[in-house]
């Protein structure tokens, strides 16, 4: 073990660059291997280019937002919390703001500002745009990485991401490196991903965003509610997307989506009686108009004709001719617009990957492998994922921080042990 602390970070994403910056601050010599031509490509497109970098929540609530293996992250979230993330980026010159749902963004609304700051944080690292073909091991510990040439390292941090957004570099190739080190990789599946629907109504409403609506995901056989939320969603040509839908997808892992329905409450602030009174009032004001021209106060324009098709009312029917049962059918539809679901969109379209390196084989205190000394993991490679809202980037930052610290501490401990053995 040399006096220089040489650390190789494989993957130039959010977790890898945070790990690199952390290790640099602790006096290590760091080389980052990134097989694309730029670092932080995926970070630059998150939050629709705005970058929801964390959620301004206490550790207990960060844990509660994690879908798979939340307890594994307790030490990581405690060591590097959302407050620490915010303090770091503001120290790096990026003013932040907290929006609805405690989601944190740069005041500029530019993900590029976060990218620049994180590159600045790891500016003293050597960046090699090379594909890592393998790791080299000796006597149960990692000795370095095989890229164009062999790069010796005292510790290696694997932070190559999952399989989503492969064009940004997260193509799943890092899992082969983990398996070569003896690690189990749990099945990979899309999470935070849009849902498909066979209903033609979705395509008719393509591009329409709904805000402040309720959502329930129900089993068709029996109506058991599997997920419930309030917020925003959007219709697409293939089905449904938006924050609520993405969070629902994380909760529906392992379900047969084709047996589920999405039920949208378009007027969650109104109970049935209040909504019925509203309908009667609107109908009275528009008594002599065609029905399609009487719903502008209740529905977005793009949803009026699909809604009339859904409830089976002729759009040209005069409002004063609408029967009580037709009005009741409209009320039920406004409180429970039901669309059948058919599946998830492909993993390439998912924001994150569910599954990954088994956390049973990784130390939650240091992120070091229990199979191979000196090998650390960070970010989406691990079998942990959370709801939308900044939680997944916080996982990347927290595990990256712990891996960076853990790698330096491991090298220091081994240097001291070798020094002791030399004295003896």
Protein backbone atom coordinates (compact mmCIF):
# COMPACT_ATOMS: atom_id res chain seq x y z
CA UNK A 1 0.00 0.00 0.00
CA UNK A 2 1.56 3.28 -1.08
CA UNK A 3 1.46 6.55 0.84
CA UNK A 4 -0.65 8.05 -1.96
CA UNK A 5 -4.34 7.28 -1.62
CA UNK A 6 -5.29 6.24 -5.15
CA UNK A 7 -9.00 5.87 -5.75
CA UNK A 8 -10.67 4.92 -9.03
CA UNK A 9 -14.28 5.97 -9.46
CA UNK A 10 -16.08 4.14 -12.25
CA UNK A 11 -18.94 6.32 -13.47
CA UNK A 12 -19.10 10.08 -13.86
CA UNK A 13 -22.67 10.58 -12.73
CA UNK A 14 -24.08 12.26 -9.63
CA UNK A 15 -22.99 9.56 -7.18
CA UNK A 16 -19.56 9.09 -8.74
CA UNK A 17 -18.71 12.78 -8.89
CA UNK A 18 -19.91 13.40 -5.33
CA UNK A 19 -17.77 10.44 -4.20
CA UNK A 20 -14.80 11.84 -6.12
CA UNK A 21 -15.16 15.30 -4.59
CA UNK A 22 -15.51 13.83 -1.11
CA UNK A 23 -12.39 11.68 -1.47
CA UNK A 24 -10.42 14.61 -2.90
CA UNK A 25 -11.35 16.74 0.11
CA UNK A 26 -9.94 13.98 2.33
CA UNK A 27 -6.59 14.05 0.55
CA UNK A 28 -6.98 11.24 -1.96
CA UNK A 29 -5.78 11.11 -5.56
CA UNK A 30 -8.87 10.36 -7.64
CA UNK A 31 -9.36 9.20 -11.21
CA UNK A 32 -12.90 9.09 -12.63
CA UNK A 33 -13.60 6.71 -15.52
CA UNK A 34 -16.59 7.69 -17.68
CA UNK A 35 -17.37 5.82 -20.89
CA UNK A 36 -19.34 8.69 -22.43
CA UNK A 37 -17.67 11.89 -23.66
CA UNK A 38 -18.93 14.01 -20.74
CA UNK A 39 -19.65 13.61 -17.06
CA UNK A 40 -23.07 14.19 -15.46
CA UNK A 41 -25.10 13.77 -18.65
CA UNK A 42 -28.12 12.35 -16.85
CA UNK A 43 -28.00 14.98 -14.10
CA UNK A 44 -28.22 17.66 -16.78
CA UNK A 45 -31.65 16.47 -17.96
CA UNK A 46 -33.27 15.68 -14.62
CA UNK A 47 -36.39 17.54 -13.55
CA UNK A 48 -37.07 18.48 -17.19
CA UNK A 49 -33.81 20.38 -17.20
CA UNK A 50 -34.46 22.08 -13.84
CA UNK A 51 -32.81 19.42 -11.58
CA UNK A 52 -34.81 18.51 -8.50
CA UNK A 53 -31.60 17.79 -6.58
CA UNK A 54 -33.07 16.77 -3.22
CA UNK A 55 -36.08 16.92 -0.96
CA UNK A 56 -35.92 19.28 2.03
CA UNK A 57 -37.08 16.63 4.47
CA UNK A 58 -35.69 15.13 7.69
CA UNK A 59 -33.97 11.75 7.60
CA UNK A 60 -37.08 9.91 8.82
CA UNK A 61 -39.09 11.21 5.87
CA UNK A 62 -36.31 10.50 3.39
CA UNK A 63 -36.37 6.91 4.64
CA UNK A 64 -40.18 6.78 4.32
CA UNK A 65 -39.92 7.76 0.63
CA UNK A 66 -37.64 4.83 -0.22
CA UNK A 67 -39.49 1.93 -1.82
CA UNK A 68 -36.88 -0.83 -1.63
CA UNK A 69 -34.51 -1.46 1.29
CA UNK A 70 -35.05 1.83 3.12
CA UNK A 71 -33.29 0.81 6.35
CA UNK A 72 -30.05 0.22 4.43
CA UNK A 73 -29.88 3.98 3.78
CA UNK A 74 -30.28 5.20 7.36
CA UNK A 75 -26.54 5.69 7.95
CA UNK A 76 -26.02 7.29 4.52
CA UNK A 77 -28.88 9.76 4.97
CA UNK A 78 -27.67 10.56 8.49
CA UNK A 79 -24.08 11.09 7.34
CA UNK A 80 -25.04 13.28 4.38
CA UNK A 81 -28.58 14.61 4.65
CA UNK A 82 -30.63 16.81 2.37
CA UNK A 83 -29.45 19.77 4.47
CA UNK A 84 -25.86 18.77 3.69
CA UNK A 85 -26.67 18.53 -0.02
CA UNK A 86 -28.23 21.99 -0.01
CA UNK A 87 -25.34 23.47 1.97
CA UNK A 88 -22.79 21.95 -0.42
CA UNK A 89 -24.34 23.39 -3.58
CA UNK A 90 -24.96 26.78 -2.05
CA UNK A 91 -21.32 26.80 -0.94
CA UNK A 92 -20.43 26.01 -4.54
CA UNK A 93 -22.31 29.10 -5.65
CA UNK A 94 -25.76 27.75 -6.58
CA UNK A 95 -28.65 29.48 -4.73
CA UNK A 96 -31.51 27.06 -4.11
CA UNK A 97 -35.26 27.24 -3.56
CA UNK A 98 -37.80 24.85 -2.06
CA UNK A 99 -41.06 24.33 -3.95
CA UNK A 100 -44.27 22.40 -3.34
CA UNK A 101 -43.69 19.01 -1.82
CA UNK A 102 -40.37 20.33 -0.41
CA UNK A 103 -38.68 19.67 -3.74
CA UNK A 104 -35.43 21.60 -4.02
CA UNK A 105 -34.30 23.29 -7.26
CA UNK A 106 -31.67 25.85 -8.23
CA UNK A 107 -33.21 29.33 -8.22
CA UNK A 108 -32.11 29.64 -11.85
CA UNK A 109 -34.19 26.57 -12.78
CA UNK A 110 -31.14 25.36 -14.71
CA UNK A 111 -29.80 21.85 -14.16
CA UNK A 112 -26.63 23.05 -15.88
CA UNK A 113 -25.82 25.12 -12.76
CA UNK A 114 -25.86 21.97 -10.62
CA UNK A 115 -23.74 20.14 -13.21
CA UNK A 116 -21.15 22.94 -13.25
CA UNK A 117 -21.01 23.04 -9.46
CA UNK A 118 -20.51 19.29 -9.10
CA UNK A 119 -17.81 19.33 -11.76
CA UNK A 120 -16.17 22.14 -9.81
CA UNK A 121 -16.39 20.07 -6.61
CA UNK A 122 -14.47 17.25 -8.31
CA UNK A 123 -12.25 19.53 -10.41
CA UNK A 124 -9.01 18.08 -9.05
CA UNK A 125 -9.89 14.57 -10.17
CA UNK A 126 -8.37 13.18 -13.33
CA UNK A 127 -11.18 12.36 -15.78
CA UNK A 128 -10.58 9.53 -18.22
CA UNK A 129 -13.20 9.00 -20.91
CA UNK A 130 -12.59 5.28 -21.15
CA UNK A 131 -14.66 2.14 -20.82
CA UNK A 132 -13.71 0.00 -17.84
CA UNK A 133 -13.54 -3.60 -19.04
CA UNK A 134 -12.89 -5.22 -15.71
CA UNK A 135 -11.44 -5.07 -12.22
CA UNK A 136 -8.26 -6.72 -11.00
CA UNK A 137 -8.28 -8.60 -7.69
CA UNK A 138 -5.62 -10.11 -5.46
CA UNK A 139 -6.02 -11.96 -2.16
CA UNK A 140 -9.62 -10.88 -1.71
CA UNK A 141 -9.13 -7.19 -2.43
CA UNK A 142 -9.44 -4.98 -5.48
CA UNK A 143 -6.16 -3.80 -7.00
CA UNK A 144 -7.36 -1.52 -9.79
CA UNK A 145 -9.31 -1.26 -13.02
CA UNK A 146 -8.72 -2.51 -16.54
CA UNK A 147 -9.52 0.22 -19.07
CA UNK A 148 -7.35 1.02 -22.09
CA UNK A 149 -4.52 0.06 -19.76
CA UNK A 150 -4.38 -1.19 -16.21
CA UNK A 151 -4.85 1.55 -13.62
CA UNK A 152 -3.68 0.51 -10.13
CA UNK A 153 -5.85 1.76 -7.28
CA UNK A 154 -6.00 1.26 -3.53
CA UNK A 155 -9.81 1.42 -3.67
CA UNK A 156 -12.43 1.37 -6.41
CA UNK A 157 -15.90 2.95 -6.27
CA UNK A 158 -18.47 1.56 -8.70
CA UNK A 159 -21.09 4.20 -9.51
CA UNK A 160 -22.11 3.41 -13.08
CA UNK A 161 -25.87 3.90 -12.65
CA UNK A 162 -28.70 1.58 -13.63
CA UNK A 163 -30.17 0.80 -17.04
CA UNK A 164 -32.45 3.78 -17.58
CA UNK A 165 -31.59 6.59 -20.01
CA UNK A 166 -28.84 4.48 -21.59
CA UNK A 167 -27.91 7.35 -23.94
CA UNK A 168 -26.53 9.21 -20.91
CA UNK A 169 -24.25 6.31 -20.02
CA UNK A 170 -26.51 4.39 -17.63
CA UNK A 171 -26.57 1.25 -19.75
CA UNK A 172 -26.27 -1.36 -17.00
CA UNK A 173 -22.70 -2.31 -17.92
CA UNK A 174 -21.50 -1.78 -14.36
CA UNK A 175 -23.49 -4.74 -13.10
CA UNK A 176 -21.13 -7.10 -14.94
CA UNK A 177 -18.27 -5.63 -12.92
CA UNK A 178 -20.23 -6.24 -9.71
CA UNK A 179 -20.97 -9.84 -10.69
CA UNK A 180 -17.31 -10.42 -11.50
CA UNK A 181 -16.53 -9.39 -7.93
CA UNK A 182 -18.95 -12.05 -6.68
CA UNK A 183 -21.99 -9.86 -6.07
CA UNK A 184 -25.59 -10.85 -6.62
CA UNK A 185 -27.64 -8.41 -8.74
CA UNK A 186 -31.38 -8.46 -8.09
CA UNK A 187 -33.68 -8.35 -11.15
CA UNK A 188 -33.75 -4.98 -12.90
CA UNK A 189 -37.03 -3.28 -13.80
CA UNK A 190 -38.21 0.24 -14.66
CA UNK A 191 -39.19 2.55 -11.80
CA UNK A 192 -40.50 6.09 -11.96
CA UNK A 193 -41.72 5.26 -15.43
CA UNK A 194 -44.89 6.20 -17.37
CA UNK A 195 -47.78 3.74 -17.54
CA UNK A 196 -49.48 2.57 -20.70
CA UNK A 197 -53.23 2.36 -21.30
CA UNK A 198 -55.22 0.77 -24.14
CA UNK A 199 -57.85 3.51 -23.91
CA UNK A 200 -58.04 5.71 -27.05
CA UNK A 201 -59.11 8.59 -24.81
CA UNK A 202 -55.51 9.07 -23.66
CA UNK A 203 -54.31 9.81 -27.19
CA UNK A 204 -57.22 12.23 -27.66
CA UNK A 205 -56.02 14.16 -24.60
CA UNK A 206 -52.31 13.88 -25.43
CA UNK A 207 -50.30 16.69 -23.85
CA UNK A 208 -53.02 17.68 -21.38
CA UNK A 209 -51.67 18.22 -17.87
CA UNK A 210 -53.93 17.99 -14.85
CA UNK A 211 -53.05 19.68 -11.56
CA UNK A 212 -54.52 19.22 -8.11
CA UNK A 213 -56.32 16.01 -8.98
CA UNK A 214 -56.64 12.80 -7.02
CA UNK A 215 -55.37 9.45 -8.25
CA UNK A 216 -56.09 5.90 -7.15
CA UNK A 217 -54.72 2.72 -8.67
CA UNK A 218 -57.24 -0.09 -8.19
CA UNK A 219 -57.24 -3.81 -8.81
CA UNK A 220 -59.96 -4.57 -11.31
CA UNK A 221 -60.98 -7.75 -9.46
CA UNK A 222 -62.29 -6.46 -6.17
CA UNK A 223 -61.27 -2.84 -6.38
CA UNK A 224 -58.46 -2.97 -3.79
CA UNK A 225 -56.58 0.34 -3.78
CA UNK A 226 -52.84 -0.20 -4.34
CA UNK A 227 -51.80 3.44 -4.52
CA UNK A 228 -53.38 6.81 -3.78
CA UNK A 229 -52.01 10.31 -4.34
CA UNK A 230 -52.86 13.95 -5.02
CA UNK A 231 -51.03 16.22 -7.43
CA UNK A 232 -50.10 16.42 -11.11
CA UNK A 233 -50.29 14.05 -14.07
CA UNK A 234 -50.41 14.18 -17.86
CA UNK A 235 -51.98 12.25 -20.75
CA UNK A 236 -49.78 10.94 -23.57
CA UNK A 237 -50.33 9.07 -26.81
CA UNK A 238 -49.51 5.81 -25.01
CA UNK A 239 -51.17 6.42 -21.63
CA UNK A 240 -50.24 8.39 -18.52
CA UNK A 241 -47.20 10.17 -17.08
CA UNK A 242 -46.36 12.98 -14.65
CA UNK A 243 -45.23 13.05 -11.01
CA UNK A 244 -48.11 11.03 -9.54
CA UNK A 245 -47.92 8.37 -12.24
CA UNK A 246 -44.15 8.01 -11.87
CA UNK A 247 -44.46 7.58 -8.11
CA UNK A 248 -47.26 5.07 -8.63
CA UNK A 249 -45.03 3.01 -10.92
CA UNK A 250 -42.45 2.66 -8.14
CA UNK A 251 -45.18 1.33 -5.86
CA UNK A 252 -46.51 -1.16 -8.44
CA UNK A 253 -43.36 -3.25 -8.93
CA UNK A 254 -44.32 -6.91 -9.27
CA UNK A 255 -47.97 -6.18 -10.07
CA UNK A 256 -49.73 -7.34 -13.22
CA UNK A 257 -50.46 -3.86 -14.54
CA UNK A 258 -52.94 -5.18 -17.10
CA UNK A 259 -55.28 -6.02 -14.20
CA UNK A 260 -55.27 -2.48 -12.81
CA UNK A 261 -57.22 0.72 -13.41
CA UNK A 262 -56.24 4.33 -12.86
CA UNK A 263 -59.09 6.32 -11.31
CA UNK A 264 -58.81 10.11 -11.46
CA UNK A 265 -60.79 12.43 -9.19
CA UNK A 266 -60.98 15.64 -11.19
CA UNK A 267 -62.70 17.56 -8.37
CA UNK A 268 -61.14 16.26 -5.15
CA UNK A 269 -62.06 19.40 -3.18
CA UNK A 270 -65.80 18.85 -3.76
CA UNK A 271 -67.95 16.11 -2.28
CA UNK A 272 -70.78 14.62 -4.35
CA UNK A 273 -73.47 16.92 -3.00
CA UNK A 274 -71.43 20.08 -3.55
CA UNK A 275 -70.39 19.01 -7.02
CA UNK A 276 -73.99 18.16 -7.96
CA UNK A 277 -75.08 21.63 -6.85
CA UNK A 278 -72.31 23.08 -9.02
CA UNK A 279 -73.53 21.06 -12.00
CA UNK A 280 -77.13 22.23 -11.51
CA UNK A 281 -75.93 25.83 -11.32
CA UNK A 282 -73.84 25.54 -14.49
CA UNK A 283 -76.65 23.77 -16.32
CA UNK A 284 -79.08 26.56 -15.39
CA UNK A 285 -76.70 29.19 -16.78
CA UNK A 286 -76.25 27.27 -20.04
CA UNK A 287 -79.73 25.79 -20.45
CA UNK A 288 -80.07 26.51 -24.19
CA UNK A 289 -76.49 25.68 -25.22
CA UNK A 290 -75.19 22.45 -26.69
CA UNK A 291 -73.77 20.28 -23.92
CA UNK A 292 -70.20 20.45 -25.28
CA UNK A 293 -70.31 24.23 -24.81
CA UNK A 294 -71.52 24.09 -21.20
CA UNK A 295 -68.56 22.39 -19.52
CA UNK A 296 -65.82 24.98 -19.92
CA UNK A 297 -66.01 25.92 -16.25
CA UNK A 298 -65.60 22.32 -15.14
CA UNK A 299 -63.08 20.78 -17.51
CA UNK A 300 -60.08 21.74 -19.66
CA UNK A 301 -61.15 22.22 -23.27
CA UNK A 302 -59.14 19.22 -24.46
CA UNK A 303 -60.98 16.94 -22.04
CA UNK A 304 -64.57 17.92 -22.83
CA UNK A 305 -65.19 15.68 -25.85
CA UNK A 306 -63.37 12.66 -24.39
CA UNK A 307 -65.43 13.08 -21.22
CA UNK A 308 -68.70 13.18 -23.18
CA UNK A 309 -67.60 10.06 -25.04
CA UNK A 310 -66.78 8.42 -21.70
CA UNK A 311 -70.22 9.14 -20.19
CA UNK A 312 -72.09 8.53 -23.47
CA UNK A 313 -73.84 11.88 -23.82
CA UNK A 314 -74.39 13.46 -27.25
CA UNK A 315 -72.26 16.62 -27.47
CA UNK A 316 -74.99 18.46 -29.41
CA UNK A 317 -77.71 17.74 -26.87
CA UNK A 318 -79.18 20.87 -25.34
CA UNK A 319 -78.36 21.28 -21.68
CA UNK A 320 -81.99 21.67 -20.61
CA UNK A 321 -82.66 18.21 -22.09
CA UNK A 322 -80.02 16.49 -19.96
CA UNK A 323 -81.70 13.89 -17.76
CA UNK A 324 -81.03 13.42 -14.08
CA UNK A 325 -79.28 10.09 -14.68
CA UNK A 326 -77.04 11.68 -17.30
CA UNK A 327 -76.08 14.38 -14.85
CA UNK A 328 -75.34 11.75 -12.22
CA UNK A 329 -73.21 9.83 -14.74
CA UNK A 330 -71.20 12.99 -15.38
CA UNK A 331 -70.78 13.54 -11.64
CA UNK A 332 -69.49 9.98 -11.18
CA UNK A 333 -67.06 10.50 -14.05
CA UNK A 334 -65.75 13.77 -12.61
CA UNK A 335 -65.10 12.03 -9.29
CA UNK A 336 -63.86 8.76 -10.80
CA UNK A 337 -62.61 8.98 -14.40
CA UNK A 338 -61.42 5.40 -14.88
CA UNK A 339 -58.80 4.29 -17.41
CA UNK A 340 -57.56 0.72 -17.79
CA UNK A 341 -53.81 0.19 -17.57
CA UNK A 342 -51.74 -2.24 -19.61
CA UNK A 343 -48.11 -1.98 -18.54
CA UNK A 344 -44.94 0.00 -17.90
CA UNK A 345 -43.05 1.89 -20.58
CA UNK A 346 -39.61 0.41 -21.39
CA UNK A 347 -36.81 0.61 -18.83
CA UNK A 348 -34.92 2.95 -21.19
CA UNK A 349 -37.64 5.55 -20.50
CA UNK A 350 -37.58 5.09 -16.73
CA UNK A 351 -36.09 7.82 -14.58
CA UNK A 352 -34.43 5.19 -12.42
CA UNK A 353 -33.84 1.46 -12.31
CA UNK A 354 -35.36 -0.74 -9.63
CA UNK A 355 -33.09 -3.58 -8.55
CA UNK A 356 -29.31 -3.78 -8.53
CA UNK A 357 -26.45 -4.92 -6.34
CA UNK A 358 -27.89 -6.73 -3.33
CA UNK A 359 -27.59 -4.52 -0.26
CA UNK A 360 -27.11 -7.65 1.86
CA UNK A 361 -23.60 -7.80 0.41
CA UNK A 362 -22.70 -4.13 1.02
CA UNK A 363 -21.86 -2.43 4.31
CA UNK A 364 -24.47 0.27 5.05
CA UNK A 365 -21.90 2.14 7.16
CA UNK A 366 -19.21 2.49 4.48
CA UNK A 367 -20.73 1.24 1.17
CA UNK A 368 -17.85 -1.26 0.96
CA UNK A 369 -18.40 -4.70 -0.50
CA UNK A 370 -18.64 -7.58 1.96
CA UNK A 371 -17.24 -9.78 -0.80
CA UNK A 372 -14.16 -7.83 -1.83
CA UNK A 373 -12.06 -5.47 0.27
CA UNK A 374 -11.53 -2.01 -1.19
CA UNK A 375 -14.55 -2.20 -3.52
CA UNK A 376 -17.32 0.32 -2.87
CA UNK A 377 -20.73 1.02 -4.43
CA UNK A 378 -22.77 4.20 -4.79
CA UNK A 379 -25.97 5.42 -6.40
CA UNK A 380 -28.36 3.63 -8.69
CA UNK A 381 -26.20 0.49 -8.89
CA UNK A 382 -27.52 -0.44 -5.45
CA UNK A 383 -30.87 -2.14 -4.96
CA UNK A 384 -32.51 0.98 -3.52
CA UNK A 385 -34.98 3.36 -5.15
CA UNK A 386 -37.52 5.93 -4.03
CA UNK A 387 -40.48 7.99 -5.14
CA UNK A 388 -40.11 11.05 -7.33
CA UNK A 389 -39.42 14.35 -5.60
CA UNK A 390 -35.63 14.59 -5.30
CA UNK A 391 -35.26 11.46 -3.18
CA UNK A 392 -33.30 9.43 -5.70
CA UNK A 393 -30.68 12.10 -6.26
CA UNK A 394 -30.34 12.36 -2.50
CA UNK A 395 -29.67 8.61 -2.45
CA UNK A 396 -26.94 9.19 -5.04
CA UNK A 397 -25.37 12.02 -3.05
CA UNK A 398 -25.61 10.27 0.33
CA UNK A 399 -24.20 6.94 -0.86
CA UNK A 400 -21.56 8.75 -2.93
CA UNK A 401 -20.46 10.68 0.14
CA UNK A 402 -20.29 7.54 2.26
CA UNK A 403 -18.39 5.64 -0.45
CA UNK A 404 -15.87 8.48 -0.81
CA UNK A 405 -15.31 8.62 2.95
CA UNK A 406 -15.27 4.86 3.24
CA UNK A 407 -12.67 4.45 0.52
CA UNK A 408 -10.27 6.93 2.13
CA UNK A 409 -10.79 5.45 5.60
CA UNK A 410 -10.17 1.95 4.23
CA UNK A 411 -6.88 3.02 2.64
CA UNK A 412 -5.78 4.80 5.81
CA UNK A 413 -6.61 1.79 7.96
CA UNK A 414 -4.68 -0.57 5.69
CA UNK A 415 -1.71 1.79 5.55
CA UNK A 416 -1.61 1.87 9.35
CA UNK A 417 -1.88 -1.91 9.56
CA UNK A 418 0.98 -2.36 7.10
CA UNK A 419 3.01 0.17 9.04
CA UNK A 420 2.38 -1.71 12.26
CA UNK A 421 3.41 -5.01 10.65
CA UNK A 422 6.64 -3.43 9.38
CA UNK A 423 7.48 -2.24 12.91
CA UNK A 424 6.89 -5.70 14.27
